[in-house]
Amino acid sequence: MRSRIRPPGKWWFMPPKRFVFRDPKITVTAGEENGRPVLKLHAEAFARRICLDFGEADVILEDNFFDLQPGQHKTIGIEEIRSPQGASVKELMEELKVYSNFDLAR
């Protein structure tokens, strides 16, 4: 018999449409790890389906949509920046908008 490894789950004790999200107060900082640009995220409260929007720039990230648990830190690698202007990470950070289910429910 094969054993299965299950990813850490989220338990909903009510229908998701009735869940009241608190403001996760997501912070994002830019950095570098192993010579490549990364974004470091942190949430104070549970953040469901985080989306990073860079406006007009086409940015390829390691992970596009994800959740953060309270106090959790996550590092997302920037794999490619497809921008006709050749935007830098600093310029991307100026355009960055972070959305989660909290923002959609307002």
C-alpha atoms as a PDB file:
ATOM      1  CA  MET A   1       0.000   0.000   0.000  1.00  0.00           C
ATOM      2  CA  ARG A   2       1.302   3.411  -0.954  1.00  0.00           C
ATOM      3  CA  SER A   3       1.351   6.151   1.597  1.00  0.00           C
ATOM      4  CA  ARG A   4       0.084   9.533   0.516  1.00  0.00           C
ATOM      5  CA  ILE A   5       1.492  12.791   1.661  1.00  0.00           C
ATOM      6  CA  ARG A   6      -1.202  15.387   2.014  1.00  0.00           C
ATOM      7  CA  PRO A   7      -0.457  19.088   1.894  1.00  0.00           C
ATOM      8  CA  PRO A   8      -1.396  21.049   5.006  1.00  0.00           C
ATOM      9  CA  GLY A   9      -5.094  21.720   4.775  1.00  0.00           C
ATOM     10  CA  LYS A  10      -7.410  24.432   5.867  1.00  0.00           C
ATOM     11  CA  TRP A  11     -10.467  23.442   7.818  1.00  0.00           C
ATOM     12  CA  TRP A  12     -13.618  25.443   7.240  1.00  0.00           C
ATOM     13  CA  PHE A  13     -16.232  25.000   9.944  1.00  0.00           C
ATOM     14  CA  MET A  14     -18.805  26.929   7.946  1.00  0.00           C
ATOM     15  CA  PRO A  15     -19.544  27.457   4.272  1.00  0.00           C
ATOM     16  CA  PRO A  16     -16.713  29.587   2.792  1.00  0.00           C
ATOM     17  CA  LYS A  17     -19.193  32.216   1.597  1.00  0.00           C
ATOM     18  CA  ARG A  18     -20.040  32.950   5.263  1.00  0.00           C
ATOM     19  CA  PHE A  19     -16.491  33.265   6.478  1.00  0.00           C
ATOM     20  CA  VAL A  20     -15.746  36.805   7.674  1.00  0.00           C
ATOM     21  CA  PHE A  21     -12.181  37.739   6.818  1.00  0.00           C
ATOM     22  CA  ARG A  22     -10.167  40.108   9.004  1.00  0.00           C
ATOM     23  CA  ASP A  23      -7.770  42.556   7.419  1.00  0.00           C
ATOM     24  CA  PRO A  24      -4.631  40.416   7.020  1.00  0.00           C
ATOM     25  CA  LYS A  25      -2.350  43.481   6.899  1.00  0.00           C
ATOM     26  CA  ILE A  26      -0.083  41.895   4.302  1.00  0.00           C
ATOM     27  CA  THR A  27       3.403  43.369   4.037  1.00  0.00           C
ATOM     28  CA  VAL A  28       5.676  42.862   1.041  1.00  0.00           C
ATOM     29  CA  THR A  29       9.381  43.603   0.820  1.00  0.00           C
ATOM     30  CA  ALA A  30      11.726  43.060  -2.092  1.00  0.00           C
ATOM     31  CA  GLY A  31      15.000  41.255  -1.664  1.00  0.00           C
ATOM     32  CA  GLU A  32      17.439  38.887  -3.272  1.00  0.00           C
ATOM     33  CA  GLU A  33      18.237  35.236  -2.585  1.00  0.00           C
ATOM     34  CA  ASN A  34      20.881  33.235  -4.424  1.00  0.00           C
ATOM     35  CA  GLY A  35      21.298  36.038  -6.958  1.00  0.00           C
ATOM     36  CA  ARG A  36      17.656  36.270  -7.975  1.00  0.00           C
ATOM     37  CA  PRO A  37      14.993  38.806  -7.002  1.00  0.00           C
ATOM     38  CA  VAL A  38      12.333  37.713  -4.516  1.00  0.00           C
ATOM     39  CA  LEU A  39       9.316  39.150  -2.744  1.00  0.00           C
ATOM     40  CA  LYS A  40       8.890  38.416   0.954  1.00  0.00           C
ATOM     41  CA  LEU A  41       5.334  38.452   2.275  1.00  0.00           C
ATOM     42  CA  HIS A  42       3.903  38.363   5.783  1.00  0.00           C
ATOM     43  CA  ALA A  43       0.310  38.410   7.028  1.00  0.00           C
ATOM     44  CA  GLU A  44      -0.940  39.254  10.509  1.00  0.00           C
ATOM     45  CA  ALA A  45      -4.252  37.410   9.984  1.00  0.00           C
ATOM     46  CA  PHE A  46      -5.353  34.574   7.699  1.00  0.00           C
ATOM     47  CA  ALA A  47      -5.158  35.720   4.074  1.00  0.00           C
ATOM     48  CA  ARG A  48      -7.014  33.646   1.490  1.00  0.00           C
ATOM     49  CA  ARG A  49      -6.105  33.667  -2.201  1.00  0.00           C
ATOM     50  CA  ILE A  50      -3.486  36.382  -2.243  1.00  0.00           C
ATOM     51  CA  CYS A  51      -2.952  37.926  -5.673  1.00  0.00           C
ATOM     52  CA  LEU A  52      -0.016  40.145  -6.639  1.00  0.00           C
ATOM     53  CA  ASP A  53      -0.858  42.685  -9.367  1.00  0.00           C
ATOM     54  CA  PHE A  54       1.912  44.677 -11.046  1.00  0.00           C
ATOM     55  CA  GLY A  55      -0.293  46.846 -13.250  1.00  0.00           C
ATOM     56  CA  GLU A  56       0.922  46.971 -16.845  1.00  0.00           C
ATOM     57  CA  ALA A  57       4.078  44.913 -16.225  1.00  0.00           C
ATOM     58  CA  ASP A  58       3.959  41.214 -17.072  1.00  0.00           C
ATOM     59  CA  VAL A  59       5.744  39.473 -14.207  1.00  0.00           C
ATOM     60  CA  ILE A  60       6.242  35.723 -13.952  1.00  0.00           C
ATOM     61  CA  LEU A  61       6.296  34.556 -10.314  1.00  0.00           C
ATOM     62  CA  GLU A  62       7.004  31.176  -8.720  1.00  0.00           C
ATOM     63  CA  ASP A  63       3.541  31.181  -7.200  1.00  0.00           C
ATOM     64  CA  ASN A  64       0.615  33.260  -8.442  1.00  0.00           C
ATOM     65  CA  PHE A  65      -2.174  32.662  -5.917  1.00  0.00           C
ATOM     66  CA  PHE A  66      -1.657  31.364  -2.395  1.00  0.00           C
ATOM     67  CA  ASP A  67      -2.829  31.594   1.212  1.00  0.00           C
ATOM     68  CA  LEU A  68      -0.943  32.817   4.263  1.00  0.00           C
ATOM     69  CA  GLN A  69      -1.638  31.741   7.830  1.00  0.00           C
ATOM     70  CA  PRO A  70      -1.393  34.321  10.649  1.00  0.00           C
ATOM     71  CA  GLY A  71       2.246  35.182  11.257  1.00  0.00           C
ATOM     72  CA  GLN A  72       3.443  33.136   8.297  1.00  0.00           C
ATOM     73  CA  HIS A  73       6.245  34.382   6.045  1.00  0.00           C
ATOM     74  CA  LYS A  74       6.473  33.370   2.390  1.00  0.00           C
ATOM     75  CA  THR A  75       9.171  34.073  -0.172  1.00  0.00           C
ATOM     76  CA  ILE A  76       8.132  34.227  -3.832  1.00  0.00           C
ATOM     77  CA  GLY A  77      10.788  34.211  -6.536  1.00  0.00           C
ATOM     78  CA  ILE A  78      10.493  36.559  -9.499  1.00  0.00           C
ATOM     79  CA  GLU A  79      11.288  34.338 -12.466  1.00  0.00           C
ATOM     80  CA  GLU A  80      10.934  36.882 -15.265  1.00  0.00           C
ATOM     81  CA  ILE A  81       9.926  40.490 -15.857  1.00  0.00           C
ATOM     82  CA  ARG A  82       8.404  40.965 -19.303  1.00  0.00           C
ATOM     83  CA  SER A  83       8.138  44.691 -19.628  1.00  0.00           C
ATOM     84  CA  PRO A  84       8.877  46.798 -22.706  1.00  0.00           C
ATOM     85  CA  GLN A  85      10.417  49.454 -20.464  1.00  0.00           C
ATOM     86  CA  GLY A  86      12.673  46.939 -18.698  1.00  0.00           C
ATOM     87  CA  ALA A  87      11.239  47.660 -15.251  1.00  0.00           C
ATOM     88  CA  SER A  88      13.400  47.130 -12.200  1.00  0.00           C
ATOM     89  CA  VAL A  89      12.227  45.406  -9.035  1.00  0.00           C
ATOM     90  CA  LYS A  90      12.071  48.832  -7.350  1.00  0.00           C
ATOM     91  CA  GLU A  91       9.726  50.104 -10.087  1.00  0.00           C
ATOM     92  CA  LEU A  92       7.603  46.960  -9.792  1.00  0.00           C
ATOM     93  CA  MET A  93       7.231  47.522  -6.046  1.00  0.00           C
ATOM     94  CA  GLU A  94       5.866  51.023  -6.744  1.00  0.00           C
ATOM     95  CA  GLU A  95       3.163  49.521  -8.985  1.00  0.00           C
ATOM     96  CA  LEU A  96       2.417  46.489  -6.810  1.00  0.00           C
ATOM     97  CA  LYS A  97      -1.108  46.004  -5.504  1.00  0.00           C
ATOM     98  CA  VAL A  98      -1.836  43.077  -3.180  1.00  0.00           C
ATOM     99  CA  TYR A  99      -5.332  41.591  -3.090  1.00  0.00           C
ATOM    100  CA  SER A 100      -6.900  38.826  -1.014  1.00  0.00           C
ATOM    101  CA  ASN A 101     -10.412  37.597  -0.325  1.00  0.00           C
ATOM    102  CA  PHE A 102     -10.629  40.284   2.365  1.00  0.00           C
ATOM    103  CA  ASP A 103     -10.380  42.980  -0.328  1.00  0.00           C
ATOM    104  CA  LEU A 104     -12.963  41.299  -2.532  1.00  0.00           C
ATOM    105  CA  ALA A 105     -15.487  41.037   0.299  1.00  0.00           C
ATOM    106  CA  ARG A 106     -15.432  44.765   1.114  1.00  0.00           C
END
